[in-house]
Amino acid sequence: MARHPGAGKFTIGVERIVFIIKEAFAATPQPVPQSCNYQRVWDAGSIVGYDVCGSATQVVTVIADAAGRITTAFPGIIGNAMHEGSGSP
């Protein structure tokens, strides 16, 4: 059984993930809709894993609270979950 079904999965090592998260903090934070958190979306330049729809992606989303503390990071973007099963990217 998958550890977190319905979630994006990284296919790169932890060191590379940490490096990408640090790079992502160069991006301007954007509010997460209906949340007190902020997101930074970063193009890593190469495939980093699979998004929630199972598509290979080179985009990483980093979620942080208002104080800038990272709460999570995942391959893909938040909006991908809305497109699941619709045939849209």
N, C-alpha and C. Protein backbone atom coordinates (compact mmCIF):
# COMPACT_ATOMS: atom_id res chain seq x y z
N MET A 1 0.84 -1.17 0.00
CA MET A 1 0.00 0.00 0.00
C MET A 1 0.89 1.24 0.00
N ALA A 2 0.50 2.25 -0.79
CA ALA A 2 1.26 3.49 -0.87
C ALA A 2 1.20 4.22 0.47
N ARG A 3 2.29 4.89 0.79
CA ARG A 3 2.37 5.59 2.07
C ARG A 3 1.35 6.71 2.16
N HIS A 4 1.22 7.50 1.10
CA HIS A 4 0.25 8.60 1.07
C HIS A 4 -0.49 8.55 -0.26
N PRO A 5 -1.50 7.72 -0.37
CA PRO A 5 -2.23 7.62 -1.64
C PRO A 5 -2.84 8.96 -2.03
N GLY A 6 -2.84 9.25 -3.33
CA GLY A 6 -3.42 10.49 -3.81
C GLY A 6 -2.53 11.70 -3.61
N ALA A 7 -1.24 11.48 -3.34
CA ALA A 7 -0.31 12.58 -3.12
C ALA A 7 0.81 12.52 -4.16
N GLY A 8 1.45 13.65 -4.42
CA GLY A 8 2.61 13.68 -5.29
C GLY A 8 3.76 12.92 -4.64
N LYS A 9 4.67 12.43 -5.45
CA LYS A 9 5.81 11.65 -4.95
C LYS A 9 7.11 12.16 -5.57
N PHE A 10 8.10 12.43 -4.73
CA PHE A 10 9.43 12.78 -5.23
C PHE A 10 10.14 11.51 -5.69
N THR A 11 10.94 11.64 -6.75
CA THR A 11 11.75 10.53 -7.23
C THR A 11 13.23 10.88 -7.19
N ILE A 12 13.56 11.93 -6.45
CA ILE A 12 14.94 12.38 -6.31
C ILE A 12 15.36 12.22 -4.85
N GLY A 13 16.64 12.32 -4.62
CA GLY A 13 17.16 12.15 -3.27
C GLY A 13 16.86 13.33 -2.36
N VAL A 14 16.98 13.08 -1.06
CA VAL A 14 16.69 14.09 -0.05
C VAL A 14 17.58 15.32 -0.21
N GLU A 15 18.86 15.11 -0.51
CA GLU A 15 19.77 16.26 -0.68
C GLU A 15 19.30 17.18 -1.79
N ARG A 16 18.85 16.60 -2.90
CA ARG A 16 18.35 17.40 -4.03
C ARG A 16 17.05 18.11 -3.64
N ILE A 17 16.17 17.43 -2.91
CA ILE A 17 14.93 18.06 -2.46
C ILE A 17 15.23 19.27 -1.59
N VAL A 18 16.14 19.13 -0.64
CA VAL A 18 16.51 20.24 0.25
C VAL A 18 17.08 21.40 -0.57
N PHE A 19 17.93 21.11 -1.54
CA PHE A 19 18.52 22.14 -2.40
C PHE A 19 17.42 22.89 -3.15
N ILE A 20 16.46 22.17 -3.72
CA ILE A 20 15.37 22.79 -4.48
C ILE A 20 14.49 23.65 -3.57
N ILE A 21 14.21 23.17 -2.37
CA ILE A 21 13.41 23.96 -1.42
C ILE A 21 14.12 25.28 -1.09
N LYS A 22 15.42 25.22 -0.89
CA LYS A 22 16.18 26.45 -0.63
C LYS A 22 16.11 27.39 -1.83
N GLU A 23 16.25 26.84 -3.04
CA GLU A 23 16.13 27.65 -4.26
C GLU A 23 14.75 28.28 -4.37
N ALA A 24 13.73 27.54 -4.00
CA ALA A 24 12.35 28.02 -4.13
C ALA A 24 12.10 29.28 -3.30
N PHE A 25 12.85 29.47 -2.25
CA PHE A 25 12.63 30.65 -1.42
C PHE A 25 13.06 31.94 -2.12
N ALA A 26 13.66 31.84 -3.31
CA ALA A 26 13.95 33.03 -4.12
C ALA A 26 12.67 33.52 -4.81
N ALA A 27 11.67 32.64 -4.93
CA ALA A 27 10.41 32.99 -5.57
C ALA A 27 9.56 33.84 -4.62
N THR A 28 8.74 34.69 -5.20
CA THR A 28 7.83 35.51 -4.41
C THR A 28 6.71 34.64 -3.85
N PRO A 29 6.47 34.70 -2.54
CA PRO A 29 5.40 33.88 -1.98
C PRO A 29 4.03 34.41 -2.43
N GLN A 30 3.14 33.47 -2.72
CA GLN A 30 1.76 33.79 -3.10
C GLN A 30 0.83 33.15 -2.08
N PRO A 31 -0.26 33.82 -1.74
CA PRO A 31 -1.19 33.22 -0.78
C PRO A 31 -1.79 31.91 -1.32
N VAL A 32 -1.98 30.97 -0.42
CA VAL A 32 -2.69 29.74 -0.76
C VAL A 32 -4.18 30.06 -0.59
N PRO A 33 -4.99 29.84 -1.63
CA PRO A 33 -6.41 30.16 -1.51
C PRO A 33 -7.06 29.49 -0.30
N GLN A 34 -7.88 30.24 0.40
CA GLN A 34 -8.63 29.77 1.56
C GLN A 34 -7.73 29.21 2.65
N SER A 35 -6.58 29.87 2.87
CA SER A 35 -5.61 29.42 3.85
C SER A 35 -4.83 30.61 4.40
N CYS A 36 -4.19 30.43 5.52
CA CYS A 36 -3.29 31.44 6.08
C CYS A 36 -1.86 31.22 5.61
N ASN A 37 -1.64 30.21 4.79
CA ASN A 37 -0.31 29.84 4.33
C ASN A 37 0.05 30.51 3.01
N TYR A 38 1.32 30.39 2.65
CA TYR A 38 1.84 30.93 1.40
C TYR A 38 2.54 29.82 0.63
N GLN A 39 2.52 29.95 -0.70
CA GLN A 39 3.18 28.96 -1.54
C GLN A 39 4.22 29.62 -2.42
N ARG A 40 5.26 28.87 -2.68
CA ARG A 40 6.27 29.24 -3.67
C ARG A 40 6.34 28.09 -4.66
N VAL A 41 6.15 28.39 -5.92
CA VAL A 41 6.18 27.37 -6.97
C VAL A 41 7.48 27.55 -7.73
N TRP A 42 8.25 26.48 -7.86
CA TRP A 42 9.60 26.55 -8.42
C TRP A 42 9.80 25.50 -9.49
N ASP A 43 10.31 25.93 -10.64
CA ASP A 43 10.66 25.00 -11.71
C ASP A 43 12.09 24.54 -11.45
N ALA A 44 12.26 23.27 -11.14
CA ALA A 44 13.57 22.72 -10.78
C ALA A 44 14.46 22.48 -12.00
N GLY A 45 13.89 22.53 -13.21
CA GLY A 45 14.69 22.36 -14.40
C GLY A 45 14.85 20.93 -14.88
N SER A 46 14.40 19.98 -14.08
CA SER A 46 14.43 18.57 -14.47
C SER A 46 13.36 17.85 -13.66
N ILE A 47 12.99 16.66 -14.09
CA ILE A 47 11.93 15.91 -13.42
C ILE A 47 12.33 15.62 -11.97
N VAL A 48 11.41 15.94 -11.06
CA VAL A 48 11.65 15.72 -9.63
C VAL A 48 10.73 14.65 -9.05
N GLY A 49 9.69 14.29 -9.80
CA GLY A 49 8.76 13.30 -9.28
C GLY A 49 7.46 13.33 -10.06
N TYR A 50 6.40 12.86 -9.39
CA TYR A 50 5.08 12.77 -10.00
C TYR A 50 4.10 13.60 -9.19
N ASP A 51 3.24 14.35 -9.90
CA ASP A 51 2.23 15.14 -9.21
C ASP A 51 1.07 14.25 -8.78
N VAL A 52 0.06 14.84 -8.18
CA VAL A 52 -1.07 14.09 -7.64
C VAL A 52 -1.83 13.32 -8.73
N CYS A 53 -1.72 13.78 -9.97
CA CYS A 53 -2.40 13.09 -11.09
C CYS A 53 -1.55 11.97 -11.67
N GLY A 54 -0.31 11.82 -11.19
CA GLY A 54 0.58 10.78 -11.68
C GLY A 54 1.43 11.20 -12.86
N SER A 55 1.41 12.49 -13.20
CA SER A 55 2.21 13.01 -14.31
C SER A 55 3.59 13.42 -13.82
N ALA A 56 4.63 13.10 -14.61
CA ALA A 56 5.98 13.54 -14.27
C ALA A 56 6.02 15.06 -14.27
N THR A 57 6.72 15.64 -13.31
CA THR A 57 6.78 17.10 -13.21
C THR A 57 8.16 17.55 -12.76
N GLN A 58 8.50 18.76 -13.18
CA GLN A 58 9.74 19.39 -12.71
C GLN A 58 9.43 20.58 -11.81
N VAL A 59 8.17 20.74 -11.46
CA VAL A 59 7.73 21.84 -10.60
C VAL A 59 7.58 21.34 -9.17
N VAL A 60 8.04 22.16 -8.23
CA VAL A 60 7.91 21.87 -6.80
C VAL A 60 7.15 23.03 -6.16
N THR A 61 6.19 22.70 -5.31
CA THR A 61 5.48 23.70 -4.52
C THR A 61 5.93 23.57 -3.08
N VAL A 62 6.32 24.71 -2.50
CA VAL A 62 6.74 24.76 -1.10
C VAL A 62 5.70 25.60 -0.36
N ILE A 63 5.13 25.03 0.69
CA ILE A 63 4.12 25.72 1.50
C ILE A 63 4.77 26.15 2.81
N ALA A 64 4.54 27.42 3.17
CA ALA A 64 5.07 27.95 4.42
C ALA A 64 3.98 28.74 5.14
N ASP A 65 4.12 28.85 6.45
CA ASP A 65 3.16 29.65 7.20
C ASP A 65 3.51 31.13 7.06
N ALA A 66 2.74 32.00 7.70
CA ALA A 66 2.93 33.44 7.57
C ALA A 66 4.29 33.89 8.09
N ALA A 67 4.88 33.12 9.00
CA ALA A 67 6.19 33.46 9.54
C ALA A 67 7.33 32.95 8.66
N GLY A 68 6.99 32.21 7.59
CA GLY A 68 8.01 31.70 6.69
C GLY A 68 8.52 30.31 7.03
N ARG A 69 7.90 29.65 8.00
CA ARG A 69 8.29 28.28 8.36
C ARG A 69 7.68 27.30 7.37
N ILE A 70 8.52 26.46 6.80
CA ILE A 70 8.05 25.48 5.82
C ILE A 70 7.18 24.44 6.52
N THR A 71 6.02 24.18 5.94
CA THR A 71 5.14 23.15 6.49
C THR A 71 5.13 21.90 5.62
N THR A 72 5.32 22.07 4.30
CA THR A 72 5.38 20.92 3.40
C THR A 72 5.92 21.36 2.05
N ALA A 73 6.32 20.39 1.28
CA ALA A 73 6.75 20.61 -0.11
C ALA A 73 6.37 19.36 -0.89
N PHE A 74 6.00 19.56 -2.15
CA PHE A 74 5.57 18.42 -2.96
C PHE A 74 5.78 18.71 -4.44
N PRO A 75 5.91 17.65 -5.24
CA PRO A 75 6.02 17.84 -6.69
C PRO A 75 4.67 18.26 -7.26
N GLY A 76 4.69 19.21 -8.19
CA GLY A 76 3.47 19.67 -8.83
C GLY A 76 2.95 20.94 -8.18
N ILE A 77 1.71 21.27 -8.54
CA ILE A 77 1.07 22.47 -8.02
C ILE A 77 -0.24 22.11 -7.34
N ILE A 78 -0.72 22.99 -6.50
CA ILE A 78 -1.95 22.74 -5.75
C ILE A 78 -3.12 22.49 -6.70
N GLY A 79 -3.25 23.26 -7.75
CA GLY A 79 -4.37 23.15 -8.66
C GLY A 79 -4.49 21.83 -9.38
N ASN A 80 -3.42 21.02 -9.45
CA ASN A 80 -3.49 19.74 -10.17
C ASN A 80 -4.57 18.83 -9.61
N ALA A 81 -4.82 18.89 -8.35
CA ALA A 81 -5.82 18.02 -7.73
C ALA A 81 -7.21 18.32 -8.29
N MET A 82 -7.45 19.57 -8.70
CA MET A 82 -8.75 19.94 -9.23
C MET A 82 -8.97 19.37 -10.63
N HIS A 83 -7.88 19.06 -11.34
CA HIS A 83 -7.98 18.58 -12.71
C HIS A 83 -8.02 17.05 -12.81
N GLU A 84 -7.85 16.37 -11.68
CA GLU A 84 -7.77 14.90 -11.71
C GLU A 84 -9.01 14.31 -12.39
N GLY A 85 -8.76 13.50 -13.38
CA GLY A 85 -9.85 12.82 -14.06
C GLY A 85 -10.54 13.65 -15.12
N SER A 86 -10.16 14.92 -15.28
CA SER A 86 -10.84 15.77 -16.25
C SER A 86 -10.18 15.75 -17.60
N GLY A 87 -8.97 15.22 -17.67
CA GLY A 87 -8.23 15.21 -18.92
C GLY A 87 -7.47 16.49 -19.16
N SER A 88 -7.60 17.48 -18.26
CA SER A 88 -6.89 18.75 -18.39
C SER A 88 -5.54 18.65 -17.72
N PRO A 89 -4.55 19.40 -18.20
CA PRO A 89 -3.24 19.39 -17.53
C PRO A 89 -3.28 20.06 -16.18
